[in-house]
């Protein structure tokens, strides 16, 4: 049996170590992006809810203003 050829295995080991490190970085990036995506989706849902509430309040205010205008016109015509 021939002894292992360390000269040819060192570059392979170095390349394997580099690939392992790169894979670890990619896994970390996927985890970070997954969490960021979850957080952004949660924020988007919250903002959509707030927007819906603001639109409802805006509609209520518009209705009140229109009702006041109608009352003023009615008073103007009757007065």
PDB file of N, CA and C in Angstrom:
ATOM      1  N   UNK A   1       0.827  -1.181   0.000  1.00  0.00           N
ATOM      2  CA  UNK A   1       0.000   0.000   0.000  1.00  0.00           C
ATOM      3  C   UNK A   1       0.865   1.235   0.000  1.00  0.00           C
ATOM      4  N   UNK A   2       0.460   2.166  -0.763  1.00  0.00           N
ATOM      5  CA  UNK A   2       1.181   3.431  -0.813  1.00  0.00           C
ATOM      6  C   UNK A   2       0.688   4.341   0.298  1.00  0.00           C
ATOM      7  N   UNK A   3       1.598   5.094   0.911  1.00  0.00           N
ATOM      8  CA  UNK A   3       1.172   6.046   1.943  1.00  0.00           C
ATOM      9  C   UNK A   3       0.344   7.155   1.296  1.00  0.00           C
ATOM     10  N   UNK A   4      -0.554   7.768   2.058  1.00  0.00           N
ATOM     11  CA  UNK A   4      -1.380   8.833   1.484  1.00  0.00           C
ATOM     12  C   UNK A   4      -0.498   9.960   0.983  1.00  0.00           C
ATOM     13  N   UNK A   5      -0.901  10.522  -0.104  1.00  0.00           N
ATOM     14  CA  UNK A   5      -0.144  11.606  -0.724  1.00  0.00           C
ATOM     15  C   UNK A   5      -0.636  12.931  -0.133  1.00  0.00           C
ATOM     16  N   UNK A   6       0.089  13.411   0.903  1.00  0.00           N
ATOM     17  CA  UNK A   6      -0.320  14.627   1.594  1.00  0.00           C
ATOM     18  C   UNK A   6      -0.196  15.850   0.705  1.00  0.00           C
ATOM     19  N   UNK A   7       0.705  15.829  -0.220  1.00  0.00           N
ATOM     20  CA  UNK A   7       0.882  16.976  -1.090  1.00  0.00           C
ATOM     21  C   UNK A   7      -0.368  17.213  -1.945  1.00  0.00           C
ATOM     22  N   UNK A   8      -0.972  16.125  -2.435  1.00  0.00           N
ATOM     23  CA  UNK A   8      -2.149  16.302  -3.273  1.00  0.00           C
ATOM     24  C   UNK A   8      -3.415  16.451  -2.440  1.00  0.00           C
ATOM     25  N   UNK A   9      -3.428  15.990  -1.181  1.00  0.00           N
ATOM     26  CA  UNK A   9      -4.639  16.080  -0.368  1.00  0.00           C
ATOM     27  C   UNK A   9      -4.766  17.441   0.313  1.00  0.00           C
ATOM     28  N   UNK A  10      -3.646  18.145   0.529  1.00  0.00           N
ATOM     29  CA  UNK A  10      -3.721  19.460   1.167  1.00  0.00           C
ATOM     30  C   UNK A  10      -4.560  20.447   0.352  1.00  0.00           C
ATOM     31  N   UNK A  11      -4.351  20.585  -0.941  1.00  0.00           N
ATOM     32  CA  UNK A  11      -5.213  21.505  -1.711  1.00  0.00           C
ATOM     33  C   UNK A  11      -6.683  21.067  -1.686  1.00  0.00           C
ATOM     34  N   UNK A  12      -6.897  19.773  -1.692  1.00  0.00           N
ATOM     35  CA  UNK A  12      -8.278  19.274  -1.636  1.00  0.00           C
ATOM     36  C   UNK A  12      -8.876  19.632  -0.286  1.00  0.00           C
ATOM     37  N   UNK A  13      -8.122  19.435   0.772  1.00  0.00           N
ATOM     38  CA  UNK A  13      -8.605  19.778   2.115  1.00  0.00           C
ATOM     39  C   UNK A  13      -8.845  21.275   2.241  1.00  0.00           C
ATOM     40  N   UNK A  14      -7.942  22.058   1.672  1.00  0.00           N
ATOM     41  CA  UNK A  14      -8.107  23.512   1.722  1.00  0.00           C
ATOM     42  C   UNK A  14      -9.368  23.930   0.960  1.00  0.00           C
ATOM     43  N   UNK A  15      -9.565  23.327  -0.197  1.00  0.00           N
ATOM     44  CA  UNK A  15     -10.750  23.653  -0.982  1.00  0.00           C
ATOM     45  C   UNK A  15     -12.018  23.212  -0.260  1.00  0.00           C
ATOM     46  N   UNK A  16     -11.975  22.056   0.362  1.00  0.00           N
ATOM     47  CA  UNK A  16     -13.114  21.556   1.126  1.00  0.00           C
ATOM     48  C   UNK A  16     -13.408  22.482   2.308  1.00  0.00           C
ATOM     49  N   UNK A  17     -12.369  22.937   2.981  1.00  0.00           N
ATOM     50  CA  UNK A  17     -12.549  23.861   4.107  1.00  0.00           C
ATOM     51  C   UNK A  17     -13.146  25.179   3.621  1.00  0.00           C
ATOM     52  N   UNK A  18     -12.658  25.671   2.478  1.00  0.00           N
ATOM     53  CA  UNK A  18     -13.186  26.916   1.922  1.00  0.00           C
ATOM     54  C   UNK A  18     -14.653  26.752   1.535  1.00  0.00           C
ATOM     55  N   UNK A  19     -14.992  25.625   0.920  1.00  0.00           N
ATOM     56  CA  UNK A  19     -16.383  25.372   0.534  1.00  0.00           C
ATOM     57  C   UNK A  19     -17.282  25.228   1.759  1.00  0.00           C
ATOM     58  N   UNK A  20     -16.755  24.591   2.780  1.00  0.00           N
ATOM     59  CA  UNK A  20     -17.524  24.443   4.026  1.00  0.00           C
ATOM     60  C   UNK A  20     -17.792  25.809   4.645  1.00  0.00           C
ATOM     61  N   UNK A  21     -16.770  26.652   4.672  1.00  0.00           N
ATOM     62  CA  UNK A  21     -16.940  27.999   5.222  1.00  0.00           C
ATOM     63  C   UNK A  21     -17.945  28.796   4.395  1.00  0.00           C
ATOM     64  N   UNK A  22     -17.859  28.669   3.075  1.00  0.00           N
ATOM     65  CA  UNK A  22     -18.795  29.382   2.200  1.00  0.00           C
ATOM     66  C   UNK A  22     -20.221  28.879   2.427  1.00  0.00           C
ATOM     67  N   UNK A  23     -20.368  27.588   2.567  1.00  0.00           N
ATOM     68  CA  UNK A  23     -21.690  27.004   2.820  1.00  0.00           C
ATOM     69  C   UNK A  23     -22.244  27.496   4.154  1.00  0.00           C
ATOM     70  N   UNK A  24     -21.392  27.560   5.173  1.00  0.00           N
ATOM     71  CA  UNK A  24     -21.825  28.076   6.472  1.00  0.00           C
ATOM     72  C   UNK A  24     -22.297  29.525   6.354  1.00  0.00           C
ATOM     73  N   UNK A  25     -21.572  30.336   5.585  1.00  0.00           N
ATOM     74  CA  UNK A  25     -21.980  31.735   5.386  1.00  0.00           C
ATOM     75  C   UNK A  25     -23.312  31.813   4.645  1.00  0.00           C
ATOM     76  N   UNK A  26     -23.477  30.957   3.643  1.00  0.00           N
ATOM     77  CA  UNK A  26     -24.741  30.947   2.895  1.00  0.00           C
ATOM     78  C   UNK A  26     -25.912  30.525   3.778  1.00  0.00           C
ATOM     79  N   UNK A  27     -25.693  29.548   4.627  1.00  0.00           N
ATOM     80  CA  UNK A  27     -26.741  29.101   5.553  1.00  0.00           C
ATOM     81  C   UNK A  27     -27.105  30.239   6.510  1.00  0.00           C
ATOM     82  N   UNK A  28     -26.093  30.930   7.032  1.00  0.00           N
ATOM     83  CA  UNK A  28     -26.348  32.070   7.910  1.00  0.00           C
ATOM     84  C   UNK A  28     -27.139  33.156   7.177  1.00  0.00           C
ATOM     85  N   UNK A  29     -26.779  33.396   5.925  1.00  0.00           N
ATOM     86  CA  UNK A  29     -27.491  34.399   5.131  1.00  0.00           C
ATOM     87  C   UNK A  29     -28.946  34.001   4.912  1.00  0.00           C
ATOM     88  N   UNK A  30     -29.183  32.739   4.621  1.00  0.00           N
ATOM     89  CA  UNK A  30     -30.557  32.258   4.436  1.00  0.00           C
ATOM     90  C   UNK A  30     -31.353  32.437   5.726  1.00  0.00           C
ATOM     91  N   UNK A  31     -30.762  32.098   6.855  1.00  0.00           N
ATOM     92  CA  UNK A  31     -31.456  32.270   8.137  1.00  0.00           C
ATOM     93  C   UNK A  31     -31.757  33.734   8.397  1.00  0.00           C
ATOM     94  N   UNK A  32     -30.788  34.598   8.141  1.00  0.00           N
ATOM     95  CA  UNK A  32     -30.979  36.032   8.369  1.00  0.00           C
ATOM     96  C   UNK A  32     -32.071  36.580   7.460  1.00  0.00           C
ATOM     97  N   UNK A  33     -32.029  36.210   6.183  1.00  0.00           N
ATOM     98  CA  UNK A  33     -33.021  36.698   5.237  1.00  0.00           C
ATOM     99  C   UNK A  33     -34.415  36.148   5.532  1.00  0.00           C
ATOM    100  N   UNK A  34     -34.488  34.917   5.999  1.00  0.00           N
ATOM    101  CA  UNK A  34     -35.775  34.332   6.375  1.00  0.00           C
ATOM    102  C   UNK A  34     -36.386  35.109   7.530  1.00  0.00           C
ATOM    103  N   UNK A  35     -35.575  35.421   8.534  1.00  0.00           N
ATOM    104  CA  UNK A  35     -36.068  36.196   9.682  1.00  0.00           C
ATOM    105  C   UNK A  35     -36.454  37.611   9.261  1.00  0.00           C
ATOM    106  N   UNK A  36     -35.640  38.222   8.422  1.00  0.00           N
ATOM    107  CA  UNK A  36     -35.935  39.570   7.941  1.00  0.00           C
ATOM    108  C   UNK A  36     -37.238  39.577   7.136  1.00  0.00           C
ATOM    109  N   UNK A  37     -37.432  38.576   6.312  1.00  0.00           N
ATOM    110  CA  UNK A  37     -38.648  38.454   5.507  1.00  0.00           C
ATOM    111  C   UNK A  37     -39.872  38.302   6.415  1.00  0.00           C
ATOM    112  N   UNK A  38     -39.739  37.476   7.445  1.00  0.00           N
ATOM    113  CA  UNK A  38     -40.844  37.284   8.395  1.00  0.00           C
ATOM    114  C   UNK A  38     -41.191  38.603   9.080  1.00  0.00           C
ATOM    115  N   UNK A  39     -40.166  39.314   9.499  1.00  0.00           N
ATOM    116  CA  UNK A  39     -40.361  40.591  10.176  1.00  0.00           C
ATOM    117  C   UNK A  39     -41.013  41.615   9.246  1.00  0.00           C
ATOM    118  N   UNK A  40     -40.566  41.656   8.007  1.00  0.00           N
ATOM    119  CA  UNK A  40     -41.137  42.596   7.040  1.00  0.00           C
ATOM    120  C   UNK A  40     -42.595  42.266   6.727  1.00  0.00           C
ATOM    121  N   UNK A  41     -42.905  40.985   6.621  1.00  0.00           N
ATOM    122  CA  UNK A  41     -44.299  40.590   6.380  1.00  0.00           C
ATOM    123  C   UNK A  41     -45.187  40.986   7.557  1.00  0.00           C
ATOM    124  N   UNK A  42     -44.671  40.803   8.768  1.00  0.00           N
ATOM    125  CA  UNK A  42     -45.430  41.183   9.958  1.00  0.00           C
ATOM    126  C   UNK A  42     -45.657  42.701   9.969  1.00  0.00           C
ATOM    127  N   UNK A  43     -44.629  43.473   9.650  1.00  0.00           N
ATOM    128  CA  UNK A  43     -44.760  44.928   9.591  1.00  0.00           C
ATOM    129  C   UNK A  43     -45.752  45.344   8.516  1.00  0.00           C
ATOM    130  N   UNK A  44     -45.701  44.663   7.385  1.00  0.00           N
ATOM    131  CA  UNK A  44     -46.615  44.983   6.293  1.00  0.00           C
ATOM    132  C   UNK A  44     -48.064  44.735   6.718  1.00  0.00           C
ATOM    133  N   UNK A  45     -48.307  43.631   7.400  1.00  0.00           N
ATOM    134  CA  UNK A  45     -49.662  43.338   7.876  1.00  0.00           C
ATOM    135  C   UNK A  45     -50.126  44.392   8.871  1.00  0.00           C
ATOM    136  N   UNK A  46     -49.239  44.789   9.779  1.00  0.00           N
ATOM    137  CA  UNK A  46     -49.587  45.804  10.766  1.00  0.00           C
ATOM    138  C   UNK A  46     -49.897  47.137  10.081  1.00  0.00           C
ATOM    139  N   UNK A  47     -49.063  47.527   9.131  1.00  0.00           N
ATOM    140  CA  UNK A  47     -49.288  48.783   8.422  1.00  0.00           C
ATOM    141  C   UNK A  47     -50.569  48.748   7.605  1.00  0.00           C
ATOM    142  N   UNK A  48     -50.878  47.610   7.019  1.00  0.00           N
ATOM    143  CA  UNK A  48     -52.124  47.479   6.252  1.00  0.00           C
ATOM    144  C   UNK A  48     -53.321  47.649   7.182  1.00  0.00           C
ATOM    145  N   UNK A  49     -53.244  47.083   8.383  1.00  0.00           N
ATOM    146  CA  UNK A  49     -54.324  47.248   9.359  1.00  0.00           C
ATOM    147  C   UNK A  49     -54.475  48.700   9.787  1.00  0.00           C
ATOM    148  N   UNK A  50     -53.355  49.361  10.040  1.00  0.00           N
ATOM    149  CA  UNK A  50     -53.391  50.780  10.420  1.00  0.00           C
ATOM    150  C   UNK A  50     -53.970  51.619   9.287  1.00  0.00           C
ATOM    151  N   UNK A  51     -53.585  51.309   8.070  1.00  0.00           N
ATOM    152  CA  UNK A  51     -54.092  52.049   6.902  1.00  0.00           C
ATOM    153  C   UNK A  51     -55.605  51.885   6.781  1.00  0.00           C
ATOM    154  N   UNK A  52     -56.074  50.659   6.967  1.00  0.00           N
ATOM    155  CA  UNK A  52     -57.521  50.419   6.885  1.00  0.00           C
ATOM    156  C   UNK A  52     -58.251  51.227   7.955  1.00  0.00           C
ATOM    157  N   UNK A  53     -57.693  51.271   9.164  1.00  0.00           N
ATOM    158  CA  UNK A  53     -58.298  52.057  10.236  1.00  0.00           C
ATOM    159  C   UNK A  53     -58.326  53.537   9.911  1.00  0.00           C
ATOM    160  N   UNK A  54     -57.227  54.041   9.356  1.00  0.00           N
ATOM    161  CA  UNK A  54     -57.171  55.462   8.985  1.00  0.00           C
ATOM    162  C   UNK A  54     -58.157  55.786   7.861  1.00  0.00           C
ATOM    163  N   UNK A  55     -58.293  54.880   6.922  1.00  0.00           N
ATOM    164  CA  UNK A  55     -59.250  55.110   5.832  1.00  0.00           C
ATOM    165  C   UNK A  55     -60.683  55.140   6.375  1.00  0.00           C
ATOM    166  N   UNK A  56     -60.987  54.261   7.325  1.00  0.00           N
ATOM    167  CA  UNK A  56     -62.319  54.242   7.925  1.00  0.00           C
ATOM    168  C   UNK A  56     -62.580  55.553   8.672  1.00  0.00           C
ATOM    169  N   UNK A  57     -61.579  56.014   9.433  1.00  0.00           N
ATOM    170  CA  UNK A  57     -61.741  57.288  10.154  1.00  0.00           C
ATOM    171  C   UNK A  57     -61.900  58.444   9.179  1.00  0.00           C
ATOM    172  N   UNK A  58     -61.170  58.399   8.080  1.00  0.00           N
ATOM    173  CA  UNK A  58     -61.277  59.443   7.062  1.00  0.00           C
ATOM    174  C   UNK A  58     -62.683  59.459   6.457  1.00  0.00           C
ATOM    175  N   UNK A  59     -63.222  58.287   6.174  1.00  0.00           N
ATOM    176  CA  UNK A  59     -64.581  58.201   5.634  1.00  0.00           C
ATOM    177  C   UNK A  59     -65.603  58.754   6.628  1.00  0.00           C
ATOM    178  N   UNK A  60     -65.427  58.435   7.911  1.00  0.00           N
ATOM    179  CA  UNK A  60     -66.334  58.955   8.939  1.00  0.00           C
ATOM    180  C   UNK A  60     -66.260  60.477   9.002  1.00  0.00           C
ATOM    181  N   UNK A  61     -65.055  61.011   8.970  1.00  0.00           N
ATOM    182  CA  UNK A  61     -64.881  62.461   9.014  1.00  0.00           C
ATOM    183  C   UNK A  61     -65.514  63.112   7.788  1.00  0.00           C
ATOM    184  N   UNK A  62     -65.328  62.501   6.627  1.00  0.00           N
ATOM    185  CA  UNK A  62     -65.921  63.044   5.400  1.00  0.00           C
ATOM    186  C   UNK A  62     -67.447  63.064   5.517  1.00  0.00           C
ATOM    187  N   UNK A  63     -68.014  61.994   6.037  1.00  0.00           N
ATOM    188  CA  UNK A  63     -69.467  61.927   6.197  1.00  0.00           C
ATOM    189  C   UNK A  63     -69.957  63.008   7.147  1.00  0.00           C
ATOM    190  N   UNK A  64     -69.247  63.232   8.231  1.00  0.00           N
ATOM    191  CA  UNK A  64     -69.639  64.273   9.189  1.00  0.00           C
ATOM    192  C   UNK A  64     -69.569  65.652   8.554  1.00  0.00           C
ATOM    193  N   UNK A  65     -68.513  65.905   7.814  1.00  0.00           N
ATOM    194  CA  UNK A  65     -68.366  67.209   7.153  1.00  0.00           C
ATOM    195  C   UNK A  65     -69.492  67.402   6.136  1.00  0.00           C
ATOM    196  N   UNK A  66     -69.779  66.378   5.354  1.00  0.00           N
ATOM    197  CA  UNK A  66     -70.865  66.485   4.377  1.00  0.00           C
ATOM    198  C   UNK A  66     -72.201  66.732   5.068  1.00  0.00           C
ATOM    199  N   UNK A  67     -72.429  66.070   6.211  1.00  0.00           N
ATOM    200  CA  UNK A  67     -73.675  66.277   6.964  1.00  0.00           C
ATOM    201  C   UNK A  67     -73.744  67.711   7.485  1.00  0.00           C
ATOM    202  N   UNK A  68     -72.618  68.233   7.967  1.00  0.00           N
ATOM    203  CA  UNK A  68     -72.604  69.620   8.454  1.00  0.00           C
ATOM    204  C   UNK A  68     -72.894  70.596   7.320  1.00  0.00           C
ATOM    205  N   UNK A  69     -72.308  70.337   6.162  1.00  0.00           N
ATOM    206  CA  UNK A  69     -72.545  71.208   5.008  1.00  0.00           C
ATOM    207  C   UNK A  69     -74.023  71.198   4.639  1.00  0.00           C
ATOM    208  N   UNK A  70     -74.632  70.023   4.656  1.00  0.00           N
ATOM    209  CA  UNK A  70     -76.061  69.920   4.336  1.00  0.00           C
ATOM    210  C   UNK A  70     -76.894  70.692   5.365  1.00  0.00           C
ATOM    211  N   UNK A  71     -76.552  70.599   6.640  1.00  0.00           N
ATOM    212  CA  UNK A  71     -77.288  71.325   7.668  1.00  0.00           C
ATOM    213  C   UNK A  71     -77.132  72.825   7.485  1.00  0.00           C
ATOM    214  N   UNK A  72     -75.902  73.252   7.163  1.00  0.00           N
ATOM    215  CA  UNK A  72     -75.668  74.688   6.940  1.00  0.00           C
ATOM    216  C   UNK A  72     -76.470  75.197   5.744  1.00  0.00           C
ATOM    217  N   UNK A  73     -76.487  74.402   4.684  1.00  0.00           N
ATOM    218  CA  UNK A  73     -77.277  74.798   3.504  1.00  0.00           C
ATOM    219  C   UNK A  73     -78.755  74.867   3.847  1.00  0.00           C
ATOM    220  N   UNK A  74     -79.211  73.901   4.645  1.00  0.00           N
ATOM    221  CA  UNK A  74     -80.609  73.871   5.060  1.00  0.00           C
ATOM    222  C   UNK A  74     -80.932  75.110   5.914  1.00  0.00           C
ATOM    223  N   UNK A  75     -80.058  75.464   6.837  1.00  0.00           N
ATOM    224  CA  UNK A  75     -80.265  76.652   7.671  1.00  0.00           C
ATOM    225  C   UNK A  75     -80.253  77.913   6.815  1.00  0.00           C
ATOM    226  N   UNK A  76     -79.358  77.954   5.843  1.00  0.00           N
ATOM    227  CA  UNK A  76     -79.238  79.114   4.960  1.00  0.00           C
ATOM    228  C   UNK A  76     -80.515  79.287   4.135  1.00  0.00           C
ATOM    229  N   UNK A  77     -81.048  78.188   3.634  1.00  0.00           N
ATOM    230  CA  UNK A  77     -82.261  78.250   2.826  1.00  0.00           C
ATOM    231  C   UNK A  77     -83.491  78.579   3.661  1.00  0.00           C
ATOM    232  N   UNK A  78     -83.513  78.123   4.906  1.00  0.00           N
ATOM    233  CA  UNK A  78     -84.666  78.366   5.790  1.00  0.00           C
ATOM    234  C   UNK A  78     -84.546  79.694   6.514  1.00  0.00           C
ATOM    235  N   UNK A  79     -83.376  80.268   6.576  1.00  0.00           N
ATOM    236  CA  UNK A  79     -83.181  81.473   7.363  1.00  0.00           C
ATOM    237  C   UNK A  79     -83.239  82.680   6.560  1.00  0.00           C
TER     238      UNK A  79
END
